[in-house]
Amino acid sequence: MRIKTYSSDEKDTLAAAKEACGALQNDEPTSLVIAFTNAEHDASTLVASLNESGAPYLLATSCLGSLLCDESRAQADAGLSVLSIFDEAGAFGVGSADCSETDAFSAGASALENALMSAGRPFESPSLIWCALPPGEEEAILNGFTSVVGEQVPIFGGSAADNTVEGNWYISTSSHSGANCLAVAVMYPSSPLGLSYSSGYKPTETVFKASSAQNRHILELDGVSAAKAYNEATNGLIAKELAGGQILGLTSTAPLGKPVQLENGALNYLLCHPDEVCSDGGLNVFSEVIEGEELVLMEGSIASLTARAERVINNAIMLLPDDSKPVGVLLVYCAGCRLTVGDEIHPMLTSLQEKFESLPICGTYTFGEQGRFLDGKSRHGNLMISAVVFSQ
């Protein structure tokens, strides 16, 4: 198992494709390619270049560019970044589907079945499912995946993002491309993987009950208008938007957390990000809320959001066998957190470069994050971070 990374900051898509994908084509045969791009790049040009590589690939847009860190680069906003996996003894496959042509559950199941066939192992559970999903129905897509392989296979990845939350994201494979496309890669690596999924936020003492909720809309918290209850608990954080409006940027440091109890009694929190106050006084959020469930008000800071990248990579490395050497990292970092930390992302990358010298790290800024806690269940959350560490 070896990992290589490539990137380009060229503004012209063709020039970027030639620089990053051209280097890929000149290398030895690749087992799997995962690429992240700024949504301003033209999808068809990148797809044409990736198709020429001959390797299975998935491409997804990332908010304000992507993240790339190795011994020579520490880029927080690469226009195009590529992670290439070389593993002759392993097996890898990619599948995709268009959610506009069928329901999200069926699209997820179909895409995963195609990926398993592509890997040549249609009846064998993979070590990891890696996905790039269109924002909106991630939970249904994950259910489609588990209908094929069960709930024991870890699912990691992220929801595609653009720069302005206007739906300009896209996901591409050799078979599908577009805003409603989903892509999934299955991995049967020849060496172990280290996996970590985390929030980096702390729980406060404020605990709500979702007394009225449906899908991604919370109408009431503790029997009170959700927007009013949230605003009071956060000392007027969204006071100017109580009549209705976008609150995405305001709530990034104060999301809601769903407690997940582990076997050892410890609690993890799956985050839920409020993004809009509705005319009925409710809150729209970026993940499903079940009526009656407990929601904890969480708190974060720029310092905690930048420190968590090193921590989640370390956690994943610690889960590798003692005789394994980490050789590369796939990092998913929430776009809302990326926008919140602003220019502090640059010293974060410099710190990662110093801490994990010569370890290539390729990452994306997403509108939703999929991963698995140590309780063994894969979930979709918001404002989360994850790391997949490859080894040899």
Protein backbone atom coordinates (compact mmCIF):
# COMPACT_ATOMS: atom_id res chain seq x y z
CA MET A 1 0.00 0.00 0.00
CA ARG A 2 1.31 3.40 -1.05
CA ILE A 3 -0.36 6.82 -1.20
CA LYS A 4 0.51 9.72 -3.47
CA THR A 5 -1.05 13.16 -3.66
CA TYR A 6 -1.19 15.73 -6.45
CA SER A 7 -2.64 19.23 -6.60
CA SER A 8 -3.05 22.31 -8.74
CA ASP A 9 -3.89 25.94 -8.03
CA GLU A 10 -4.38 26.82 -11.69
CA LYS A 11 -7.60 28.82 -12.16
CA ASP A 12 -8.14 27.45 -15.65
CA THR A 13 -9.72 24.01 -15.39
CA LEU A 14 -7.85 22.50 -18.31
CA ALA A 15 -4.54 23.72 -16.93
CA ALA A 16 -5.41 22.36 -13.48
CA ALA A 17 -6.39 19.01 -14.95
CA LYS A 18 -3.16 18.77 -16.92
CA GLU A 19 -1.07 19.56 -13.86
CA ALA A 20 -2.74 17.28 -11.31
CA CYS A 21 -4.30 14.55 -13.45
CA GLY A 22 -1.40 14.59 -15.91
CA ALA A 23 0.98 13.68 -13.09
CA LEU A 24 -1.40 10.87 -12.17
CA GLN A 25 -1.42 9.50 -15.73
CA ASN A 26 2.36 9.47 -15.83
CA ASP A 27 2.56 7.36 -12.68
CA GLU A 28 2.23 3.60 -12.34
CA PRO A 29 -1.22 1.93 -12.52
CA THR A 30 -3.46 3.20 -9.74
CA SER A 31 -5.91 1.18 -7.63
CA LEU A 32 -8.23 4.09 -6.74
CA VAL A 33 -8.31 7.86 -7.18
CA ILE A 34 -10.24 10.23 -4.92
CA ALA A 35 -10.27 13.86 -6.05
CA PHE A 36 -11.67 17.09 -4.60
CA THR A 37 -12.21 20.31 -6.53
CA ASN A 38 -13.40 23.86 -6.13
CA ALA A 39 -16.90 24.08 -7.63
CA GLU A 40 -15.68 26.82 -9.97
CA HIS A 41 -13.84 24.20 -12.02
CA ASP A 42 -15.65 22.66 -14.99
CA ALA A 43 -16.79 19.12 -14.26
CA SER A 44 -16.65 17.80 -17.83
CA THR A 45 -13.04 18.88 -18.28
CA LEU A 46 -11.95 17.19 -15.06
CA VAL A 47 -13.95 14.03 -15.87
CA ALA A 48 -12.33 13.77 -19.30
CA SER A 49 -8.88 14.02 -17.75
CA LEU A 50 -9.63 11.51 -14.98
CA ASN A 51 -11.10 9.08 -17.50
CA GLU A 52 -7.78 9.09 -19.33
CA SER A 53 -6.04 7.79 -16.20
CA GLY A 54 -7.90 4.50 -16.55
CA ALA A 55 -8.23 4.15 -12.76
CA PRO A 56 -11.54 3.93 -10.87
CA TYR A 57 -12.21 7.37 -9.41
CA LEU A 58 -14.67 9.62 -7.70
CA LEU A 59 -14.58 13.41 -7.82
CA ALA A 60 -16.49 15.77 -5.52
CA THR A 61 -16.63 19.52 -5.04
CA SER A 62 -15.32 21.02 -1.80
CA CYS A 63 -16.15 24.42 -0.28
CA LEU A 64 -13.54 27.08 -1.17
CA GLY A 65 -11.16 24.44 -2.51
CA SER A 66 -9.66 21.46 -0.75
CA LEU A 67 -6.96 20.56 1.74
CA LEU A 68 -3.60 19.06 0.91
CA CYS A 69 -0.67 18.58 3.24
CA ASP A 70 2.58 16.68 2.78
CA GLU A 71 6.29 17.26 3.32
CA SER A 72 6.44 19.95 0.61
CA ARG A 73 2.97 21.57 0.73
CA ALA A 74 0.46 22.79 3.30
CA GLN A 75 -2.47 24.05 1.21
CA ALA A 76 -5.79 24.96 2.79
CA ASP A 77 -7.51 25.99 -0.43
CA ALA A 78 -6.12 23.90 -3.28
CA GLY A 79 -8.21 24.33 -6.43
CA LEU A 80 -7.85 20.64 -7.26
CA SER A 81 -6.36 17.89 -5.12
CA VAL A 82 -5.98 14.20 -5.86
CA LEU A 83 -5.23 11.24 -3.61
CA SER A 84 -4.04 8.12 -5.39
CA ILE A 85 -3.97 4.65 -3.80
CA PHE A 86 -1.51 2.02 -5.04
CA ASP A 87 -2.29 -1.45 -3.68
CA GLU A 88 -1.75 -4.35 -6.06
CA ALA A 89 -2.71 -6.90 -3.41
CA GLY A 90 -5.97 -5.13 -2.56
CA ALA A 91 -9.21 -4.60 -4.44
CA PHE A 92 -11.14 -1.38 -5.03
CA GLY A 93 -14.27 -0.44 -6.93
CA VAL A 94 -16.43 2.62 -7.65
CA GLY A 95 -20.16 2.84 -8.24
CA SER A 96 -22.52 5.76 -8.75
CA ALA A 97 -26.16 6.69 -9.31
CA ASP A 98 -28.32 9.74 -10.01
CA CYS A 99 -30.76 10.52 -7.20
CA SER A 100 -32.98 12.46 -9.62
CA GLU A 101 -33.75 9.22 -11.47
CA THR A 102 -34.93 7.23 -8.43
CA ASP A 103 -35.39 7.57 -4.68
CA ALA A 104 -32.34 8.13 -2.49
CA PHE A 105 -32.53 4.70 -0.81
CA SER A 106 -32.59 2.86 -4.13
CA ALA A 107 -29.84 5.07 -5.56
CA GLY A 108 -27.62 4.24 -2.61
CA ALA A 109 -28.24 0.51 -2.89
CA SER A 110 -27.68 0.50 -6.67
CA ALA A 111 -24.47 2.53 -6.49
CA LEU A 112 -23.01 0.26 -3.81
CA GLU A 113 -23.90 -2.90 -5.74
CA ASN A 114 -22.14 -1.45 -8.78
CA ALA A 115 -19.06 -0.64 -6.68
CA LEU A 116 -18.90 -4.19 -5.33
CA MET A 117 -19.12 -5.57 -8.87
CA SER A 118 -16.43 -3.11 -9.98
CA ALA A 119 -14.12 -4.42 -7.26
CA GLY A 120 -14.78 -8.00 -8.37
CA ARG A 121 -16.12 -8.95 -4.93
CA PRO A 122 -19.93 -8.73 -5.18
CA PHE A 123 -20.62 -10.99 -2.20
CA GLU A 124 -17.82 -9.93 0.17
CA SER A 125 -18.12 -7.10 2.67
CA PRO A 126 -15.49 -4.41 2.15
CA SER A 127 -13.24 -3.03 4.87
CA LEU A 128 -14.56 0.47 4.16
CA ILE A 129 -17.23 2.25 2.16
CA TRP A 130 -16.15 5.76 1.16
CA CYS A 131 -18.85 8.03 -0.27
CA ALA A 132 -19.49 11.44 -1.77
CA LEU A 133 -23.18 12.35 -1.44
CA PRO A 134 -25.47 15.14 -2.64
CA PRO A 135 -26.76 17.19 0.31
CA GLY A 136 -30.35 16.58 1.39
CA GLU A 137 -31.15 12.89 1.84
CA GLU A 138 -27.96 11.42 3.24
CA GLU A 139 -29.72 9.27 5.85
CA ALA A 140 -31.80 7.52 3.18
CA ILE A 141 -28.70 6.88 1.06
CA LEU A 142 -26.88 5.37 4.05
CA ASN A 143 -29.90 3.12 4.63
CA GLY A 144 -29.59 2.05 1.01
CA PHE A 145 -25.96 1.11 1.61
CA THR A 146 -26.74 -0.91 4.72
CA SER A 147 -29.55 -2.75 2.92
CA VAL A 148 -26.81 -4.29 0.75
CA VAL A 149 -23.97 -4.99 3.25
CA GLY A 150 -25.57 -4.65 6.68
CA GLU A 151 -24.60 -2.23 9.43
CA GLN A 152 -21.17 -3.60 10.34
CA VAL A 153 -19.21 -2.11 7.42
CA PRO A 154 -17.91 1.37 8.29
CA ILE A 155 -19.17 4.16 6.02
CA PHE A 156 -17.10 7.34 5.80
CA GLY A 157 -17.22 10.34 3.49
CA GLY A 158 -18.89 13.69 3.02
CA SER A 159 -21.58 15.65 1.25
CA ALA A 160 -20.47 17.70 -1.75
CA ALA A 161 -20.21 21.45 -1.23
CA ASP A 162 -19.99 24.64 -3.24
CA ASN A 163 -18.71 28.07 -2.21
CA THR A 164 -22.04 29.89 -1.74
CA VAL A 165 -24.64 27.26 -0.68
CA GLU A 166 -26.43 27.76 -4.00
CA GLY A 167 -26.44 24.17 -5.26
CA ASN A 168 -23.40 24.51 -7.53
CA TRP A 169 -21.79 21.35 -6.14
CA TYR A 170 -21.27 18.24 -8.23
CA ILE A 171 -20.07 14.66 -7.90
CA SER A 172 -18.56 12.71 -10.78
CA THR A 173 -17.45 9.22 -11.73
CA SER A 174 -16.83 7.66 -15.13
CA SER A 175 -20.57 6.80 -15.23
CA HIS A 176 -22.40 9.77 -13.69
CA SER A 177 -21.83 13.46 -13.07
CA GLY A 178 -23.98 16.21 -11.60
CA ALA A 179 -25.45 17.88 -8.52
CA ASN A 180 -27.73 14.91 -7.78
CA CYS A 181 -25.11 12.22 -8.37
CA LEU A 182 -23.81 10.05 -5.54
CA ALA A 183 -20.55 8.13 -5.71
CA VAL A 184 -19.29 5.31 -3.55
CA ALA A 185 -15.97 3.50 -3.40
CA VAL A 186 -15.47 0.12 -1.74
CA MET A 187 -12.07 -0.74 -0.34
CA TYR A 188 -10.50 -4.13 0.33
CA PRO A 189 -6.97 -2.94 1.18
CA SER A 190 -4.10 -5.34 1.78
CA SER A 191 -3.21 -3.57 5.03
CA PRO A 192 -5.28 -2.21 7.96
CA LEU A 193 -7.16 1.08 8.06
CA GLY A 194 -7.46 3.44 11.02
CA LEU A 195 -10.82 5.24 11.27
CA SER A 196 -11.97 8.13 13.46
CA TYR A 197 -15.15 10.26 13.47
CA SER A 198 -15.56 13.12 15.92
CA SER A 199 -17.17 16.48 16.64
CA GLY A 200 -14.63 18.51 18.56
CA TYR A 201 -17.42 20.33 20.43
CA LYS A 202 -18.23 20.22 24.14
CA PRO A 203 -21.70 19.64 25.62
CA THR A 204 -23.25 22.39 27.73
CA GLU A 205 -25.71 21.80 30.56
CA THR A 206 -28.63 22.80 28.31
CA VAL A 207 -30.62 19.78 27.17
CA PHE A 208 -33.73 20.05 24.98
CA LYS A 209 -36.40 17.57 24.00
CA ALA A 210 -37.48 17.75 20.36
CA SER A 211 -41.15 17.90 21.29
CA SER A 212 -42.26 18.48 17.69
CA ALA A 213 -40.05 17.55 14.75
CA GLN A 214 -40.24 15.99 11.31
CA ASN A 215 -37.29 15.01 9.15
CA ARG A 216 -35.00 18.06 9.15
CA HIS A 217 -37.45 20.53 10.67
CA ILE A 218 -37.69 21.14 14.42
CA LEU A 219 -40.92 22.96 15.23
CA GLU A 220 -40.68 22.91 19.02
CA LEU A 221 -38.06 22.35 21.70
CA ASP A 222 -39.49 21.60 25.17
CA GLY A 223 -42.93 22.65 23.94
CA VAL A 224 -41.71 26.10 22.89
CA SER A 225 -41.02 27.48 19.42
CA ALA A 226 -37.66 25.96 18.47
CA ALA A 227 -36.17 29.26 17.33
CA LYS A 228 -37.25 31.03 20.53
CA ALA A 229 -35.97 28.24 22.79
CA TYR A 230 -32.63 28.08 20.97
CA ASN A 231 -32.24 31.87 20.99
CA GLU A 232 -32.87 32.08 24.74
CA ALA A 233 -30.44 29.27 25.47
CA THR A 234 -27.71 30.95 23.39
CA ASN A 235 -28.17 34.43 24.91
CA GLY A 236 -29.74 35.98 21.83
CA LEU A 237 -27.47 34.41 19.22
CA ILE A 238 -30.18 34.51 16.52
CA ALA A 239 -32.28 37.39 17.91
CA LYS A 240 -32.19 39.38 14.67
CA GLU A 241 -33.48 36.40 12.67
CA LEU A 242 -36.39 35.27 14.85
CA ALA A 243 -38.88 36.42 12.23
CA GLY A 244 -37.20 34.16 9.70
CA GLY A 245 -33.90 33.95 7.86
CA GLN A 246 -30.59 32.18 7.36
CA ILE A 247 -28.58 31.49 10.53
CA LEU A 248 -25.95 29.09 9.17
CA GLY A 249 -22.95 31.25 10.01
CA LEU A 250 -24.30 32.26 13.42
CA THR A 251 -24.86 28.74 14.73
CA SER A 252 -21.59 27.04 13.75
CA THR A 253 -20.19 27.43 17.27
CA ALA A 254 -23.45 26.40 18.98
CA PRO A 255 -24.94 23.35 17.24
CA LEU A 256 -27.25 20.75 18.73
CA GLY A 257 -25.81 17.37 19.67
CA LYS A 258 -27.45 13.94 19.75
CA PRO A 259 -25.88 11.83 22.52
CA VAL A 260 -24.56 8.44 21.41
CA GLN A 261 -23.61 6.12 24.28
CA LEU A 262 -20.70 3.75 23.72
CA GLU A 263 -20.27 0.33 25.28
CA ASN A 264 -17.87 1.72 27.89
CA GLY A 265 -20.47 4.25 28.99
CA ALA A 266 -18.77 7.24 27.36
CA LEU A 267 -20.82 9.65 25.26
CA ASN A 268 -20.13 10.87 21.75
CA TYR A 269 -22.24 13.56 20.12
CA LEU A 270 -23.60 13.54 16.59
CA LEU A 271 -24.00 17.17 15.63
CA CYS A 272 -27.01 18.82 14.03
CA HIS A 273 -26.48 22.28 12.48
CA PRO A 274 -29.40 24.79 12.48
CA ASP A 275 -29.37 26.73 9.21
CA GLU A 276 -32.68 28.59 8.98
CA VAL A 277 -35.46 30.09 11.08
CA CYS A 278 -38.79 29.34 9.38
CA SER A 279 -41.99 31.37 9.33
CA ASP A 280 -43.61 28.92 11.79
CA GLY A 281 -40.91 29.64 14.37
CA GLY A 282 -39.20 26.35 13.78
CA LEU A 283 -35.61 25.57 12.82
CA ASN A 284 -34.44 23.83 9.70
CA VAL A 285 -31.33 21.72 10.26
CA PHE A 286 -28.93 19.71 8.07
CA SER A 287 -29.67 16.26 9.51
CA GLU A 288 -32.77 14.36 10.55
CA VAL A 289 -34.26 14.84 14.01
CA ILE A 290 -36.64 12.30 15.52
CA GLU A 291 -39.53 13.68 17.54
CA GLY A 292 -38.99 13.06 21.23
CA GLU A 293 -35.22 12.66 21.08
CA GLU A 294 -32.79 14.52 23.31
CA LEU A 295 -30.73 17.37 21.88
CA VAL A 296 -27.84 18.89 23.81
CA LEU A 297 -26.67 22.43 23.15
CA MET A 298 -22.99 22.19 22.23
CA GLU A 299 -20.23 24.78 22.22
CA GLY A 300 -17.09 25.19 20.17
CA SER A 301 -14.44 27.79 19.45
CA ILE A 302 -11.98 28.55 16.71
CA ALA A 303 -9.25 27.04 18.89
CA SER A 304 -11.16 23.77 19.38
CA LEU A 305 -12.12 23.54 15.72
CA THR A 306 -8.52 23.89 14.55
CA ALA A 307 -7.10 21.58 17.23
CA ARG A 308 -9.46 18.71 16.38
CA ALA A 309 -7.83 17.90 13.02
CA GLU A 310 -4.62 16.72 14.69
CA ARG A 311 -6.61 14.88 17.34
CA VAL A 312 -8.81 12.93 14.90
CA ILE A 313 -5.80 11.87 12.80
CA ASN A 314 -3.98 10.77 15.95
CA ASN A 315 -7.02 8.79 17.06
CA ALA A 316 -7.16 6.98 13.72
CA ILE A 317 -3.44 6.20 13.84
CA MET A 318 -3.79 4.82 17.37
CA LEU A 319 -6.41 2.34 16.11
CA LEU A 320 -3.91 0.78 13.70
CA PRO A 321 -2.08 -2.39 14.76
CA ASP A 322 1.25 -1.74 16.48
CA ASP A 323 3.24 -3.07 13.54
CA SER A 324 1.49 -0.83 10.97
CA LYS A 325 3.00 2.33 9.54
CA PRO A 326 0.62 5.13 8.46
CA VAL A 327 1.18 6.12 4.82
CA GLY A 328 -1.68 8.50 4.00
CA VAL A 329 -4.82 10.23 5.29
CA LEU A 330 -8.24 11.08 3.87
CA LEU A 331 -9.63 13.93 5.96
CA VAL A 332 -13.21 15.26 5.98
CA TYR A 333 -13.64 18.70 7.58
CA CYS A 334 -17.03 20.40 7.74
CA ALA A 335 -17.40 23.45 5.49
CA GLY A 336 -19.27 25.32 8.24
CA CYS A 337 -16.26 24.89 10.51
CA ARG A 338 -13.94 25.87 7.66
CA LEU A 339 -15.84 29.14 7.21
CA THR A 340 -15.88 29.74 10.97
CA VAL A 341 -12.14 29.36 11.49
CA GLY A 342 -11.31 31.58 8.50
CA ASP A 343 -7.60 32.31 8.11
CA GLU A 344 -6.78 30.18 11.15
CA ILE A 345 -7.01 27.20 8.80
CA HIS A 346 -3.50 28.06 7.54
CA PRO A 347 -1.63 27.64 10.85
CA MET A 348 -3.71 24.49 11.38
CA LEU A 349 -2.28 23.03 8.18
CA THR A 350 1.24 24.13 9.10
CA SER A 351 0.85 22.35 12.43
CA LEU A 352 -0.36 19.18 10.70
CA GLN A 353 2.62 19.30 8.38
CA GLU A 354 4.99 19.57 11.34
CA LYS A 355 3.22 16.91 13.40
CA PHE A 356 2.78 14.36 10.59
CA GLU A 357 5.94 14.98 8.61
CA SER A 358 6.04 13.14 5.27
CA LEU A 359 2.50 11.77 5.76
CA PRO A 360 0.31 12.88 2.82
CA ILE A 361 -3.06 14.27 3.93
CA CYS A 362 -5.80 15.03 1.41
CA GLY A 363 -9.08 16.52 2.59
CA THR A 364 -12.39 18.06 1.67
CA TYR A 365 -14.70 20.69 3.20
CA THR A 366 -18.22 19.28 3.16
CA PHE A 367 -21.90 20.12 3.73
CA GLY A 368 -22.39 16.98 5.81
CA GLU A 369 -20.15 14.25 7.17
CA GLN A 370 -20.63 10.50 7.31
CA GLY A 371 -18.70 8.30 9.71
CA ARG A 372 -18.80 5.67 12.43
CA PHE A 373 -18.43 6.07 16.18
CA LEU A 374 -16.93 3.29 18.26
CA ASP A 375 -20.43 1.87 18.85
CA GLY A 376 -20.16 0.40 15.34
CA LYS A 377 -22.98 2.31 13.62
CA SER A 378 -22.38 4.66 10.68
CA ARG A 379 -24.27 7.94 10.74
CA HIS A 380 -24.72 11.27 8.97
CA GLY A 381 -23.94 14.41 10.96
CA ASN A 382 -23.05 18.08 10.63
CA LEU A 383 -19.98 20.07 11.71
CA MET A 384 -18.11 16.79 12.15
CA ILE A 385 -14.61 15.71 11.21
CA SER A 386 -13.26 12.32 10.19
CA ALA A 387 -10.00 10.68 9.22
CA VAL A 388 -9.22 7.49 7.32
CA VAL A 389 -5.59 6.49 7.77
CA PHE A 390 -4.02 4.03 5.31
CA SER A 391 -1.11 1.86 6.39
CA GLN A 392 1.52 -0.60 5.27
